[in-house]
Protein backbone atom coordinates (compact mmCIF):
# COMPACT_ATOMS: atom_id res chain seq x y z
CA MET A 1 -39.77 -8.18 8.48
CA MET A 2 -40.92 -9.67 5.18
CA VAL A 3 -39.60 -13.03 3.99
CA VAL A 4 -38.98 -12.71 0.26
CA PHE A 5 -37.29 -16.02 -0.43
CA ARG A 6 -36.51 -19.05 1.66
CA GLY A 7 -34.68 -22.00 0.14
CA VAL A 8 -34.83 -25.58 1.44
CA ILE A 9 -31.54 -26.90 2.79
CA ASP A 10 -30.88 -30.61 2.33
CA SER A 11 -29.78 -32.48 5.43
CA MET A 12 -26.29 -33.92 5.03
CA GLN A 13 -23.74 -35.75 7.12
CA THR A 14 -21.65 -32.62 7.53
CA PRO A 15 -22.96 -29.95 9.96
CA LEU A 16 -24.82 -27.03 8.44
CA VAL A 17 -22.90 -23.75 8.32
CA SER A 18 -24.82 -20.48 8.05
CA ILE A 19 -23.09 -17.70 6.13
CA LEU A 20 -24.76 -14.46 7.21
CA ILE A 21 -24.62 -11.41 4.95
CA PRO A 22 -26.10 -8.23 6.44
CA THR A 23 -26.22 -5.67 3.63
CA TYR A 24 -27.00 -2.00 3.18
CA ASN A 25 -26.96 -0.06 -0.11
CA ARG A 26 -23.77 -1.57 -1.57
CA PRO A 27 -25.09 -3.74 -4.42
CA ALA A 28 -21.85 -3.92 -6.41
CA TYR A 29 -19.80 -5.09 -3.44
CA PHE A 30 -22.67 -7.25 -2.18
CA LYS A 31 -22.78 -9.14 -5.48
CA GLN A 32 -19.08 -10.00 -5.19
CA ALA A 33 -19.46 -11.05 -1.55
CA LEU A 34 -22.44 -13.28 -2.36
CA PHE A 35 -20.58 -14.88 -5.26
CA SER A 36 -17.67 -15.73 -2.94
CA ALA A 37 -20.16 -17.39 -0.58
CA VAL A 38 -21.80 -19.60 -3.20
CA LEU A 39 -18.35 -20.69 -4.41
CA GLN A 40 -17.55 -22.39 -1.10
CA THR A 41 -16.19 -25.92 -1.51
CA TYR A 42 -17.83 -27.00 1.76
CA PRO A 43 -21.11 -28.56 0.64
CA ASN A 44 -23.57 -27.98 3.48
CA ILE A 45 -24.14 -24.24 3.74
CA GLU A 46 -27.05 -21.86 3.87
CA ILE A 47 -26.60 -18.22 2.95
CA VAL A 48 -28.78 -15.86 4.98
CA ILE A 49 -29.08 -12.35 3.55
CA CYS A 50 -30.61 -9.60 5.69
CA ASP A 51 -31.17 -6.54 3.55
CA ASP A 52 -31.46 -3.17 5.30
CA SER A 53 -31.17 -1.21 2.04
CA THR A 54 -33.37 1.70 1.06
CA ASN A 55 -33.80 0.35 -2.48
CA ASN A 56 -34.26 -3.01 -4.24
CA ASP A 57 -30.88 -3.29 -5.98
CA SER A 58 -29.48 -5.89 -3.58
CA LYS A 59 -32.83 -7.68 -3.48
CA ASN A 60 -32.77 -8.17 -7.25
CA ILE A 61 -29.24 -9.57 -7.09
CA ALA A 62 -30.13 -11.92 -4.24
CA LEU A 63 -33.19 -13.31 -5.99
CA ARG A 64 -31.25 -13.95 -9.20
CA TYR A 65 -28.66 -15.90 -7.22
CA ALA A 66 -31.38 -17.76 -5.33
CA LYS A 67 -32.74 -19.08 -8.63
CA LYS A 68 -29.27 -19.95 -9.89
CA PHE A 69 -28.29 -21.77 -6.68
CA PRO A 70 -31.53 -23.34 -5.42
CA GLY A 71 -31.69 -24.49 -1.83
CA LYS A 72 -28.78 -22.39 -0.58
CA ILE A 73 -30.08 -18.86 -0.12
CA LYS A 74 -32.55 -17.27 2.30
CA TYR A 75 -33.33 -13.62 1.68
CA TYR A 76 -34.98 -11.21 4.12
CA LYS A 77 -35.84 -7.58 3.44
CA ASN A 78 -36.48 -5.35 6.44
CA ASN A 79 -39.72 -3.38 6.26
CA ARG A 80 -37.82 -0.33 7.49
CA ASN A 81 -34.21 0.62 8.05
CA ILE A 82 -33.17 -0.85 11.42
CA GLY A 83 -29.42 -0.11 11.43
CA GLY A 84 -26.38 -2.31 11.26
CA ARG A 85 -26.31 -3.70 14.80
CA LEU A 86 -29.89 -4.96 14.74
CA ASN A 87 -29.49 -6.26 11.20
CA PHE A 88 -26.61 -8.43 12.42
CA GLN A 89 -28.79 -9.85 15.18
CA ILE A 90 -31.74 -10.50 12.86
CA ALA A 91 -29.45 -12.47 10.56
CA PHE A 92 -28.23 -14.52 13.52
CA GLN A 93 -31.81 -15.27 14.59
CA GLN A 94 -32.74 -16.47 11.10
CA ALA A 95 -29.76 -18.83 10.86
CA THR A 96 -30.46 -22.54 11.31
CA GLY A 97 -26.88 -23.77 11.00
CA GLU A 98 -24.85 -25.29 13.81
CA TYR A 99 -21.99 -22.96 12.85
CA ILE A 100 -21.99 -19.28 11.95
CA ASN A 101 -19.75 -17.16 9.74
CA TYR A 102 -20.69 -13.58 8.98
CA LEU A 103 -19.67 -12.09 5.64
CA MET A 104 -19.56 -8.31 5.46
CA ASP A 105 -21.17 -7.17 2.23
CA ASP A 106 -17.95 -5.57 1.00
CA ASP A 107 -15.58 -8.42 1.92
CA LEU A 108 -14.79 -11.72 0.20
CA PHE A 109 -14.32 -15.37 1.20
CA HIS A 110 -11.60 -17.64 -0.15
CA PRO A 111 -13.39 -20.62 -1.79
CA GLN A 112 -12.03 -23.06 0.82
CA LYS A 113 -12.67 -20.88 3.86
CA ILE A 114 -15.47 -22.87 5.47
CA GLU A 115 -14.01 -26.24 4.50
CA ARG A 116 -10.63 -25.40 6.04
CA MET A 117 -12.07 -23.94 9.23
CA ILE A 118 -14.77 -26.49 10.00
CA LYS A 119 -12.18 -29.27 10.18
CA TYR A 120 -10.80 -27.85 13.41
CA PHE A 121 -14.22 -28.01 15.03
CA LEU A 122 -14.90 -31.53 13.75
CA GLU A 123 -11.57 -32.76 15.12
CA ASP A 124 -12.10 -31.10 18.53
CA ALA A 125 -13.61 -33.88 20.65
CA THR A 126 -13.59 -31.78 23.84
CA ASN A 127 -15.29 -28.70 22.32
CA THR A 128 -12.58 -26.40 23.65
CA ILE A 129 -12.24 -24.55 20.33
CA LYS A 130 -14.67 -21.63 20.40
CA LEU A 131 -13.69 -19.84 17.21
CA VAL A 132 -11.48 -20.32 14.17
CA THR A 133 -9.93 -17.34 12.40
CA SER A 134 -7.23 -16.79 9.80
CA TYR A 135 -5.01 -14.25 8.14
CA ARG A 136 -7.10 -11.85 6.06
CA GLN A 137 -5.67 -10.08 3.04
CA PRO A 138 -6.51 -6.38 2.69
CA ILE A 139 -7.80 -5.36 -0.75
CA ASP A 140 -8.74 -2.03 -2.28
CA GLU A 141 -11.99 -0.89 -3.88
CA LYS A 142 -11.19 -2.79 -7.09
CA GLY A 143 -10.19 -6.00 -5.31
CA LYS A 144 -6.45 -5.51 -5.70
CA GLU A 145 -4.28 -6.73 -2.83
CA ILE A 146 -2.73 -3.93 -0.77
CA PRO A 147 -0.09 -3.93 2.01
CA ASP A 148 -1.03 -4.97 5.51
CA PHE A 149 -2.07 -2.56 8.22
CA ASP A 150 -0.73 -3.10 11.73
CA PHE A 151 -3.94 -4.86 12.76
CA THR A 152 -4.00 -7.22 9.74
CA LYS A 153 -0.41 -8.43 9.84
CA LYS A 154 -0.04 -12.20 9.99
CA ARG A 155 0.01 -13.23 13.64
CA PHE A 156 1.51 -16.71 13.24
CA GLU A 157 3.41 -18.41 10.42
CA LYS A 158 1.65 -21.74 10.93
CA ASP A 159 -1.76 -22.83 12.20
CA THR A 160 -1.80 -22.18 15.94
CA VAL A 161 -4.10 -22.82 18.91
CA VAL A 162 -4.23 -19.83 21.28
CA ASN A 163 -5.58 -19.78 24.83
CA GLY A 164 -8.80 -17.77 24.99
CA ILE A 165 -7.83 -15.39 27.79
CA THR A 166 -4.39 -14.85 26.26
CA ALA A 167 -6.01 -13.98 22.93
CA SER A 168 -8.54 -11.67 24.61
CA ASN A 169 -5.78 -9.76 26.40
CA SER A 170 -3.88 -9.46 23.14
CA ILE A 171 -6.67 -8.08 20.96
CA ILE A 172 -7.36 -5.36 23.52
CA LEU A 173 -3.71 -4.43 24.01
CA ASP A 174 -2.32 -5.04 20.52
CA GLY A 175 -5.29 -4.55 18.18
CA ASN A 176 -7.94 -6.87 16.81
CA TRP A 177 -5.80 -9.42 14.96
CA ILE A 178 -8.61 -11.99 15.28
CA GLY A 179 -10.41 -9.92 12.70
CA GLU A 180 -13.72 -8.54 11.59
CA PRO A 181 -16.95 -10.59 11.46
CA THR A 182 -15.97 -11.96 8.03
CA THR A 183 -12.88 -13.72 9.35
CA VAL A 184 -14.35 -15.90 12.10
CA LEU A 185 -16.26 -19.20 12.13
CA PHE A 186 -17.90 -20.15 15.43
CA ARG A 187 -20.47 -22.55 16.88
CA LYS A 188 -23.84 -20.85 17.23
CA SER A 189 -24.63 -22.40 20.62
CA ASP A 190 -21.35 -21.09 22.09
CA LEU A 191 -22.37 -17.44 21.74
CA ILE A 192 -24.21 -16.94 25.03
CA GLU A 193 -25.04 -13.28 24.38
CA PRO A 194 -26.53 -11.66 21.25
CA PHE A 195 -23.97 -10.93 18.55
CA GLY A 196 -22.16 -7.68 19.31
CA GLN A 197 -22.82 -7.82 23.04
CA PHE A 198 -20.34 -8.27 25.91
CA CYS A 199 -21.22 -8.42 29.60
CA GLY A 200 -24.77 -7.27 28.90
CA SER A 201 -23.87 -4.24 26.76
CA LEU A 202 -24.56 -4.08 23.02
CA TYR A 203 -21.50 -2.40 21.55
CA HIS A 204 -21.75 0.53 19.17
CA SER A 205 -18.65 -0.06 17.06
CA ALA A 206 -16.53 -2.98 18.29
CA VAL A 207 -19.31 -5.53 17.81
CA ASP A 208 -16.85 -8.12 16.54
CA MET A 209 -14.54 -7.80 19.54
CA ALA A 210 -17.51 -7.97 21.91
CA SER A 211 -18.46 -11.38 20.53
CA TRP A 212 -14.89 -12.69 20.32
CA LEU A 213 -14.41 -11.80 23.99
CA THR A 214 -17.68 -13.53 24.87
CA LEU A 215 -16.76 -16.70 22.97
CA LEU A 216 -13.24 -16.87 24.39
CA LEU A 217 -14.34 -16.71 28.02
CA ASP A 218 -14.81 -20.46 27.88
CA GLY A 219 -12.30 -21.81 25.37
CA ASN A 220 -9.56 -21.28 22.84
CA LEU A 221 -9.16 -20.18 19.24
CA VAL A 222 -7.40 -21.53 16.17
CA TYR A 223 -5.50 -19.14 13.92
CA ILE A 224 -4.98 -20.41 10.35
CA ALA A 225 -1.93 -18.82 8.73
CA ASP A 226 -3.24 -18.99 5.15
CA THR A 227 -5.40 -16.30 3.58
CA LEU A 228 -9.05 -17.36 3.91
CA SER A 229 -10.79 -13.99 3.59
CA TYR A 230 -10.27 -10.57 2.05
CA LEU A 231 -10.87 -7.31 3.92
CA ARG A 232 -11.90 -4.51 1.59
CA MET A 233 -10.68 -1.03 2.44
CA HIS A 234 -12.53 1.88 0.83
CA SER A 235 -13.67 5.43 1.49
CA SER A 236 -16.97 4.45 3.13
CA ASN A 237 -15.62 1.91 5.62
CA VAL A 238 -17.52 2.23 8.90
CA GLY A 239 -14.24 2.37 10.81
CA LYS A 240 -13.41 5.73 9.17
CA ASN A 241 -16.61 7.38 10.39
CA LYS A 242 -16.05 9.93 13.17
CA ASP A 243 -19.19 8.94 15.06
CA MET A 244 -18.14 5.30 15.02
CA LYS A 245 -14.68 6.33 16.24
CA VAL A 246 -16.27 8.11 19.18
CA ASN A 247 -18.58 5.17 19.81
CA SER A 248 -15.62 2.81 19.81
CA THR A 249 -14.29 4.81 22.77
CA TYR A 250 -17.44 4.00 24.72
CA ASP A 251 -16.97 0.32 23.87
CA TRP A 252 -13.34 0.41 24.95
CA ILE A 253 -14.20 1.98 28.29
CA HIS A 254 -16.84 -0.68 28.90
CA MET A 255 -14.18 -3.34 28.27
CA LEU A 256 -11.81 -1.69 30.72
CA PHE A 257 -14.35 -1.81 33.51
CA HIS A 258 -15.77 -5.27 32.83
CA CYS A 259 -12.92 -7.38 31.47
CA PRO A 260 -11.06 -7.78 34.80
CA ARG A 261 -14.21 -9.35 36.27
CA LYS A 262 -13.87 -12.02 33.57
CA LYS A 263 -10.13 -12.59 34.18
CA ILE A 264 -9.22 -10.50 31.11
CA LEU A 265 -6.72 -7.67 31.69
CA GLU A 266 -6.44 -9.16 35.16
CA HIS A 267 -2.84 -8.05 35.64
CA PRO A 268 -2.68 -4.40 36.79
CA ASN A 269 0.11 -3.59 34.32
CA ASP A 270 -2.06 -4.73 31.39
CA LEU A 271 -5.02 -2.72 32.64
CA HIS A 272 -2.91 0.41 33.15
CA ARG A 273 -1.45 0.02 29.67
CA SER A 274 -4.87 -0.25 28.04
CA ILE A 275 -6.19 2.74 29.99
CA LYS A 276 -3.25 4.84 28.74
CA GLN A 277 -3.96 3.68 25.18
CA CYS A 278 -7.59 4.72 25.60
CA PHE A 279 -6.57 8.18 26.84
CA ARG A 280 -4.32 8.63 23.79
CA PHE A 281 -7.12 7.51 21.49
CA MET A 282 -9.50 10.07 22.98
CA ASP A 283 -6.90 12.82 22.64
CA ASP A 284 -6.31 11.84 19.01
CA LEU A 285 -10.01 12.19 18.22
CA GLU A 286 -9.83 15.94 18.76
CA ILE A 287 -6.85 16.13 16.39
CA LEU A 288 -8.40 13.91 13.71
CA PHE A 289 -11.81 15.59 13.80
CA PRO A 290 -11.29 19.23 14.85
CA ASN A 291 -14.60 21.04 15.40
CA GLN A 292 -16.49 18.00 14.08
CA ILE A 293 -17.43 16.27 17.33
CA SER A 294 -20.74 17.44 18.78
CA GLN A 295 -20.80 19.22 22.12
CA SER A 296 -22.80 16.41 23.72
CA LYS A 297 -20.23 13.83 22.65
CA LYS A 298 -17.40 16.04 23.90
CA GLN A 299 -19.13 16.23 27.27
CA ALA A 300 -19.56 12.46 27.31
CA LEU A 301 -15.88 11.90 26.51
CA LYS A 302 -14.88 14.35 29.25
CA PHE A 303 -17.05 12.47 31.74
CA TYR A 304 -15.58 9.11 30.75
CA LYS A 305 -12.06 10.50 31.07
CA GLN A 306 -12.83 11.52 34.63
CA CYS A 307 -14.23 8.06 35.37
CA LEU A 308 -11.12 6.43 33.93
CA LEU A 309 -8.81 8.66 35.96
CA LYS A 310 -10.62 7.68 39.14
CA TYR A 311 -10.60 4.01 38.12
CA GLN A 312 -6.89 4.17 37.34
CA LYS A 313 -6.09 5.44 40.83
CA GLU A 314 -8.04 2.57 42.40
CA ILE A 315 -6.15 -0.20 40.57
């Protein structure tokens, strides 16, 4: 990895927050995401950009912003394409802040996001808050607000503290309302496994959920009801990729086997319900992507189905 630019961050009374932007070949969106990061009203931030692109378009944007906002931006360009999961982890390793907030290169921050969220950590004398999230507003390719999806609907009408295990059960059973990496602020030292990993397994698709589950094993979350980030929906979203859909099944199955050992999905009814949901999801894959799933992946899914059926009988 080559370090292209590294700014100097002034020490301040407020804790340093690292905003991490892993990026890959989306310079137009990346520019908007970066601009939303430098507009933060919270004063003590560093912006860490890890560029996995195959060209220099994002690099040129980053260096222009680094000159315009001296002391705030660190830019790293990978010598070769390493893929999204490793790029996330490299960004985490380069961060020097006490707190971490990822920013997907196609999403946006509200200007007061970090300022609003950090207050809950600073007021938490017992360190029981492990992550702070908020409502995120879906937007389209042009940045226009669009209606909510089931998984983005506002969870609470006012700021709410939620028990960690309760929240973990809920995001598995009801969908990831905690949100994508962009939505969450957390303390770096609280993440005891690499980002995207849960119970020793680096997830393929549900990297955000893996880390939220890890963080919430030992504490609670705060949900802020106001809009503090914007989730961009467009044709090239990773979540629409068939391979990532299949990979998310592998992640889900790993959760089903390992969560009960961590007191998540501990009640048999919850575990049975999630297993049934997983079966339906696997069946839907064949409908959504007819003749598009490779034979090897079909064989893997068949094997995992058999494992789940056996597991279900043993509960």
